[in-house]
Amino acid sequence: MCRILSYLGEPVLLDHLLYAPDSSLLNQTISAQMLAMLNLAGFGMTAWDPSSHEPAAPFRYRTTQVALFDRNLKALASKLRVAGLLAHIRGVPYNSSVQINEQNVHPFRFEGVPLAMAHNGDLAGFREMRFELASHVKPEFAHQIQGSTDSEWIYALTVSALEDPYRVNEPEAILAAIRHALALIRAARERHGVTRSSSANLIFCDGVNLIAARFTFDFGRFAAGALQGSTNFLSMWYTFGRDYGLHDDEWKLVGGAQAADSVIVASEPLTRDFATWIEVPEYAALVVRSEGTRRRVETHALEV
């Protein structure tokens, strides 16, 4: 399964998120702490740089190559400072039916829509449900779906549920759209008799707000041979504070909630020391609000 990393806060060097920590996102390609499989099906990121031309328009990078060996990405990461980041390494079942192409690399972001999304998980029965779900996707977004993943359809359902998807929405509106998309999928699963466990760990970011959902349909109902790795892939963690960097030989944020100007959310902690990381509760959404230079973190139950 996939690994996701998102950051929102004071500008930091991209290298310090993707490469420097001992369990950085790119190191998780081959040695994830909470996943017993390799993530070899591509890397993608959407990054917001406040000093760039048109800072509201994020930088995007996607490749089907193993990013750990991508010299171009390494060179870029040593120069780019980001105030917002949504990055993803794709993990897929090891069989020939899987499509490895750039169109299937996360994060997904439609033209003109500020909100981007990355997904860790797999929707059982998606092929049977897809055309039924199409009626809930706005035509202008249906035409932008390029890949074959369930993830891109989750994104399309979510942005279609926003009253105005072409602006930066309030966190409440984004969270309501996520709940609506999950409810549509739940109803489609019931109509098609799909009961196999399907995880939908989702992170949405628009450079201003960050919403992370930890959710699983019918947890614990696995078909024989259906699950690769381990159930730990369902995890999601966060840490918050200020002055992200190397402190006492450990990459971390310091200062705690009272002085927090930055938040990191990830499938698993970026360091082997979990002391400064908090696990997102199961069936919950983590909402990160930007209030000037401050970041406020809330958790909301996901009842779908």
Protein backbone atom coordinates (compact mmCIF):
# COMPACT_ATOMS: atom_id res chain seq x y z
CA MET A 1 0.00 0.00 0.00
CA CYS A 2 0.98 3.63 -0.43
CA ARG A 3 2.68 6.14 1.86
CA ILE A 4 1.59 9.78 2.16
CA LEU A 5 3.21 12.87 3.63
CA SER A 6 1.70 16.34 3.99
CA TYR A 7 3.13 19.51 5.51
CA LEU A 8 1.60 22.90 6.24
CA GLY A 9 3.52 25.68 7.94
CA GLU A 10 6.58 27.88 7.78
CA PRO A 11 8.69 27.32 4.64
CA VAL A 12 11.13 24.43 4.98
CA LEU A 13 13.58 22.86 2.58
CA LEU A 14 11.90 20.05 0.68
CA ASP A 15 14.94 17.85 1.25
CA HIS A 16 14.26 17.96 5.00
CA LEU A 17 10.89 16.26 4.49
CA LEU A 18 11.60 13.88 1.62
CA TYR A 19 15.17 12.74 2.33
CA ALA A 20 16.79 13.85 5.59
CA PRO A 21 14.86 12.02 8.38
CA ASP A 22 15.88 8.42 8.98
CA SER A 23 12.37 7.27 8.03
CA SER A 24 11.70 9.97 5.44
CA LEU A 25 9.02 9.51 2.83
CA LEU A 26 11.46 8.41 0.15
CA ASN A 27 13.22 6.00 2.50
CA GLN A 28 9.80 4.43 3.02
CA THR A 29 9.96 3.33 -0.63
CA ILE A 30 12.02 0.32 0.43
CA SER A 31 12.01 0.34 4.25
CA ALA A 32 8.69 1.55 5.62
CA GLN A 33 8.31 0.93 9.36
CA MET A 34 4.61 0.06 9.20
CA LEU A 35 4.37 -1.77 5.91
CA ALA A 36 5.90 -5.09 4.90
CA MET A 37 6.12 -4.39 1.17
CA LEU A 38 7.95 -2.13 -1.27
CA ASN A 39 6.43 1.00 -2.84
CA LEU A 40 7.73 0.94 -6.41
CA ALA A 41 4.86 2.28 -8.55
CA GLY A 42 5.75 5.96 -8.71
CA PHE A 43 6.11 9.21 -6.80
CA GLY A 44 4.20 12.46 -6.97
CA MET A 45 3.96 15.73 -5.07
CA THR A 46 2.08 19.00 -5.06
CA ALA A 47 4.02 21.78 -3.32
CA TRP A 48 3.24 25.41 -2.48
CA ASP A 49 6.13 27.89 -2.46
CA PRO A 50 5.11 31.37 -1.17
CA SER A 51 8.10 33.01 -2.86
CA SER A 52 7.33 31.61 -6.31
CA HIS A 53 5.48 33.20 -9.22
CA GLU A 54 1.73 32.92 -8.54
CA PRO A 55 2.23 31.33 -5.09
CA ALA A 56 -1.35 30.02 -4.94
CA ALA A 57 -0.57 27.79 -7.94
CA PRO A 58 1.36 24.77 -6.66
CA PHE A 59 4.36 23.11 -8.18
CA ARG A 60 3.69 19.56 -9.38
CA TYR A 61 6.08 16.67 -9.94
CA ARG A 62 5.11 13.14 -10.95
CA THR A 63 7.17 10.17 -12.07
CA THR A 64 6.69 6.44 -12.47
CA GLN A 65 10.34 5.90 -11.60
CA VAL A 66 11.56 4.88 -8.16
CA ALA A 67 12.00 8.35 -6.65
CA LEU A 68 14.68 7.23 -4.21
CA PHE A 69 17.04 7.06 -7.21
CA ASP A 70 15.72 10.20 -8.98
CA ARG A 71 18.63 12.65 -9.24
CA ASN A 72 16.42 15.39 -10.66
CA LEU A 73 14.11 15.22 -7.65
CA LYS A 74 17.08 15.24 -5.27
CA ALA A 75 18.49 18.36 -6.94
CA LEU A 76 15.09 20.08 -6.82
CA ALA A 77 14.59 19.15 -3.16
CA SER A 78 17.88 20.82 -2.23
CA LYS A 79 16.65 24.15 -3.66
CA LEU A 80 12.88 24.36 -3.08
CA ARG A 81 11.42 25.64 0.20
CA VAL A 82 7.76 24.76 0.69
CA ALA A 83 5.03 26.09 2.97
CA GLY A 84 2.64 23.37 1.86
CA LEU A 85 3.28 19.87 0.59
CA LEU A 86 1.30 16.79 -0.36
CA ALA A 87 3.58 13.95 -1.44
CA HIS A 88 2.89 10.28 -2.19
CA ILE A 89 4.78 7.11 -3.04
CA ARG A 90 2.56 4.55 -4.72
CA GLY A 91 2.44 0.94 -3.64
CA VAL A 92 0.43 -1.63 -5.58
CA PRO A 93 -0.13 -5.40 -5.57
CA TYR A 94 2.65 -7.31 -7.25
CA ASN A 95 0.84 -8.61 -10.33
CA SER A 96 0.62 -7.85 -14.03
CA SER A 97 -2.93 -6.47 -13.89
CA VAL A 98 -1.77 -3.23 -12.25
CA GLN A 99 -1.22 -0.22 -14.49
CA ILE A 100 1.95 1.77 -13.81
CA ASN A 101 1.68 5.10 -15.61
CA GLU A 102 1.91 8.80 -14.81
CA GLN A 103 -1.88 9.21 -14.95
CA ASN A 104 -2.21 6.95 -11.91
CA VAL A 105 0.40 8.73 -9.80
CA HIS A 106 -0.93 10.79 -6.87
CA PRO A 107 -1.66 13.50 -5.78
CA PHE A 108 -4.66 14.31 -7.96
CA ARG A 109 -5.60 17.89 -8.73
CA PHE A 110 -7.97 19.02 -11.48
CA GLU A 111 -7.37 22.14 -13.55
CA GLY A 112 -8.35 25.29 -11.67
CA VAL A 113 -9.15 23.44 -8.42
CA PRO A 114 -6.97 24.48 -5.44
CA LEU A 115 -7.60 21.25 -3.55
CA ALA A 116 -5.30 18.26 -4.12
CA MET A 117 -5.69 14.72 -2.75
CA ALA A 118 -3.62 11.60 -2.11
CA HIS A 119 -4.98 8.20 -1.03
CA ASN A 120 -3.61 5.21 0.84
CA GLY A 121 -5.81 2.17 0.33
CA ASP A 122 -7.86 0.18 -2.12
CA LEU A 123 -11.60 0.06 -2.87
CA ALA A 124 -12.78 -3.51 -3.36
CA GLY A 125 -15.29 -3.87 -6.20
CA PHE A 126 -14.39 -0.49 -7.65
CA ARG A 127 -14.74 -1.61 -11.28
CA GLU A 128 -18.34 -2.65 -10.66
CA MET A 129 -19.19 0.58 -8.81
CA ARG A 130 -17.39 3.07 -11.03
CA PHE A 131 -20.06 3.74 -13.63
CA GLU A 132 -22.76 4.08 -11.00
CA LEU A 133 -20.64 6.65 -9.18
CA ALA A 134 -20.10 8.60 -12.40
CA SER A 135 -23.53 10.21 -12.08
CA HIS A 136 -22.30 12.01 -8.93
CA VAL A 137 -19.26 13.53 -10.67
CA LYS A 138 -19.66 16.94 -12.31
CA PRO A 139 -19.15 16.69 -16.09
CA GLU A 140 -16.22 19.11 -16.09
CA PHE A 141 -14.41 16.81 -13.66
CA ALA A 142 -15.46 13.55 -15.31
CA HIS A 143 -13.68 14.76 -18.45
CA GLN A 144 -10.47 15.33 -16.46
CA ILE A 145 -10.22 11.80 -15.07
CA GLN A 146 -7.22 10.35 -16.89
CA GLY A 147 -6.17 7.30 -14.91
CA SER A 148 -7.68 3.99 -13.87
CA THR A 149 -7.42 4.29 -10.08
CA ASP A 150 -10.22 4.31 -7.54
CA SER A 151 -8.31 7.16 -5.86
CA GLU A 152 -8.92 9.62 -8.69
CA TRP A 153 -12.64 8.84 -8.53
CA ILE A 154 -12.70 9.51 -4.77
CA TYR A 155 -11.11 12.87 -5.52
CA ALA A 156 -13.62 13.60 -8.31
CA LEU A 157 -16.56 12.74 -6.02
CA THR A 158 -15.19 15.01 -3.29
CA VAL A 159 -14.54 18.12 -5.38
CA SER A 160 -17.90 17.60 -7.11
CA ALA A 161 -19.55 17.89 -3.69
CA LEU A 162 -18.04 21.34 -3.07
CA GLU A 163 -20.38 24.24 -3.80
CA ASP A 164 -17.49 26.14 -5.38
CA PRO A 165 -14.53 23.85 -6.02
CA TYR A 166 -12.59 26.61 -7.81
CA ARG A 167 -11.80 28.57 -4.65
CA VAL A 168 -10.07 27.80 -1.36
CA ASN A 169 -12.89 26.44 0.79
CA GLU A 170 -13.35 26.51 4.54
CA PRO A 171 -12.32 23.30 6.34
CA GLU A 172 -15.97 22.57 7.21
CA ALA A 173 -16.93 22.55 3.53
CA ILE A 174 -14.04 20.24 2.62
CA LEU A 175 -14.86 17.86 5.46
CA ALA A 176 -18.54 17.79 4.46
CA ALA A 177 -17.53 16.97 0.86
CA ILE A 178 -15.31 14.11 2.08
CA ARG A 179 -18.15 12.70 4.15
CA HIS A 180 -20.49 12.97 1.16
CA ALA A 181 -18.05 11.10 -1.10
CA LEU A 182 -17.55 8.32 1.45
CA ALA A 183 -21.32 8.01 1.92
CA LEU A 184 -21.81 7.62 -1.85
CA ILE A 185 -19.20 4.87 -1.92
CA ARG A 186 -20.76 3.19 1.12
CA ALA A 187 -24.17 3.14 -0.60
CA ALA A 188 -22.67 1.77 -3.83
CA ARG A 189 -20.87 -0.98 -1.91
CA GLU A 190 -24.14 -2.01 -0.28
CA ARG A 191 -25.99 -2.12 -3.60
CA HIS A 192 -23.26 -4.27 -5.14
CA GLY A 193 -22.87 -6.51 -2.10
CA VAL A 194 -19.24 -5.51 -1.52
CA THR A 195 -18.18 -6.29 2.05
CA ARG A 196 -14.42 -6.77 1.75
CA SER A 197 -12.40 -4.38 3.90
CA SER A 198 -11.35 -1.30 1.93
CA SER A 199 -9.23 1.49 3.33
CA ALA A 200 -9.68 5.12 2.38
CA ASN A 201 -6.97 7.01 4.20
CA LEU A 202 -7.12 10.39 2.46
CA ILE A 203 -5.18 13.63 2.75
CA PHE A 204 -6.43 16.82 1.11
CA CYS A 205 -4.42 20.05 0.96
CA ASP A 206 -4.86 23.38 -0.82
CA GLY A 207 -1.86 25.22 0.60
CA VAL A 208 -4.06 26.89 3.24
CA ASN A 209 -5.94 24.02 4.86
CA LEU A 210 -5.13 20.36 5.39
CA ILE A 211 -7.73 17.64 6.01
CA ALA A 212 -6.64 14.06 6.71
CA ALA A 213 -9.20 11.26 6.96
CA ARG A 214 -8.47 7.84 8.46
CA PHE A 215 -11.29 5.60 7.32
CA THR A 216 -11.93 1.96 6.41
CA PHE A 217 -15.05 0.35 4.98
CA ASP A 218 -15.87 -2.94 6.77
CA PHE A 219 -12.60 -3.22 8.64
CA GLY A 220 -11.45 -6.78 9.23
CA ARG A 221 -13.26 -8.48 6.33
CA PHE A 222 -10.38 -9.63 4.16
CA ALA A 223 -10.66 -12.05 1.29
CA ALA A 224 -8.02 -14.78 1.24
CA GLY A 225 -4.84 -13.41 -0.26
CA ALA A 226 -6.36 -9.96 -0.75
CA LEU A 227 -4.18 -8.04 1.69
CA GLN A 228 -0.51 -7.47 1.06
CA GLY A 229 1.87 -6.09 3.64
CA SER A 230 0.11 -5.79 6.98
CA THR A 231 -2.84 -4.00 8.59
CA ASN A 232 -0.37 -1.38 9.85
CA PHE A 233 -0.68 0.34 6.48
CA LEU A 234 -3.99 1.76 7.76
CA SER A 235 -2.10 3.99 10.19
CA MET A 236 -1.91 7.79 10.09
CA TRP A 237 0.15 10.06 12.35
CA TYR A 238 0.72 13.77 12.92
CA THR A 239 3.03 16.13 14.77
CA PHE A 240 2.84 19.88 15.28
CA GLY A 241 4.95 22.73 16.63
CA ARG A 242 7.46 25.16 15.17
CA ASP A 243 11.02 25.35 13.83
CA TYR A 244 11.07 22.03 11.99
CA GLY A 245 14.64 20.80 11.77
CA LEU A 246 17.35 18.73 13.41
CA HIS A 247 17.03 19.08 17.19
CA ASP A 248 19.09 16.87 19.50
CA ASP A 249 20.00 14.66 16.54
CA GLU A 250 16.31 14.12 15.71
CA TRP A 251 14.23 15.70 12.93
CA LYS A 252 11.17 17.18 14.62
CA LEU A 253 8.97 20.17 15.38
CA VAL A 254 9.38 21.74 18.81
CA GLY A 255 7.30 23.95 21.10
CA GLY A 256 4.00 22.03 21.15
CA ALA A 257 0.49 23.25 20.44
CA GLN A 258 0.75 26.68 22.07
CA ALA A 259 3.35 27.89 19.59
CA ALA A 260 2.47 25.69 16.63
CA ASP A 261 2.95 27.25 13.21
CA SER A 262 3.54 23.99 11.35
CA VAL A 263 1.98 20.52 11.09
CA ILE A 264 3.15 17.28 9.48
CA VAL A 265 0.74 14.43 8.71
CA ALA A 266 2.01 11.10 7.39
CA SER A 267 1.13 7.45 7.00
CA GLU A 268 3.83 6.79 9.56
CA PRO A 269 6.28 8.93 11.58
CA LEU A 270 9.28 10.23 9.68
CA THR A 271 11.59 9.31 12.55
CA ARG A 272 12.13 6.07 14.41
CA ASP A 273 11.49 7.93 17.67
CA PHE A 274 7.68 8.30 17.90
CA ALA A 275 7.79 10.53 21.00
CA THR A 276 6.64 13.72 19.22
CA TRP A 277 4.05 11.99 17.00
CA ILE A 278 0.35 11.38 17.70
CA GLU A 279 -1.73 8.71 15.98
CA VAL A 280 -4.86 9.95 14.20
CA PRO A 281 -7.83 8.07 15.74
CA GLU A 282 -9.56 5.44 13.63
CA TYR A 283 -12.65 6.71 11.80
CA ALA A 284 -11.65 10.33 12.33
CA ALA A 285 -10.63 13.36 10.32
CA LEU A 286 -7.76 15.60 11.32
CA VAL A 287 -8.50 19.22 10.42
CA VAL A 288 -5.61 21.69 10.26
CA ARG A 289 -6.74 25.33 10.17
CA SER A 290 -4.54 28.24 9.19
CA GLU A 291 -5.12 31.30 11.40
CA GLY A 292 -2.54 33.80 10.23
CA THR A 293 0.82 32.21 10.92
CA ARG A 294 -0.65 29.78 13.46
CA ARG A 295 -1.92 26.26 12.79
CA ARG A 296 -4.73 24.80 14.87
CA VAL A 297 -5.41 21.05 14.89
CA GLU A 298 -8.82 19.44 15.51
CA THR A 299 -10.13 15.90 15.21
CA HIS A 300 -13.68 15.11 14.06
CA ALA A 301 -15.46 11.77 14.06
CA LEU A 302 -16.13 10.30 10.60
CA GLU A 303 -19.56 8.72 10.83
CA VAL A 304 -20.60 7.59 7.36
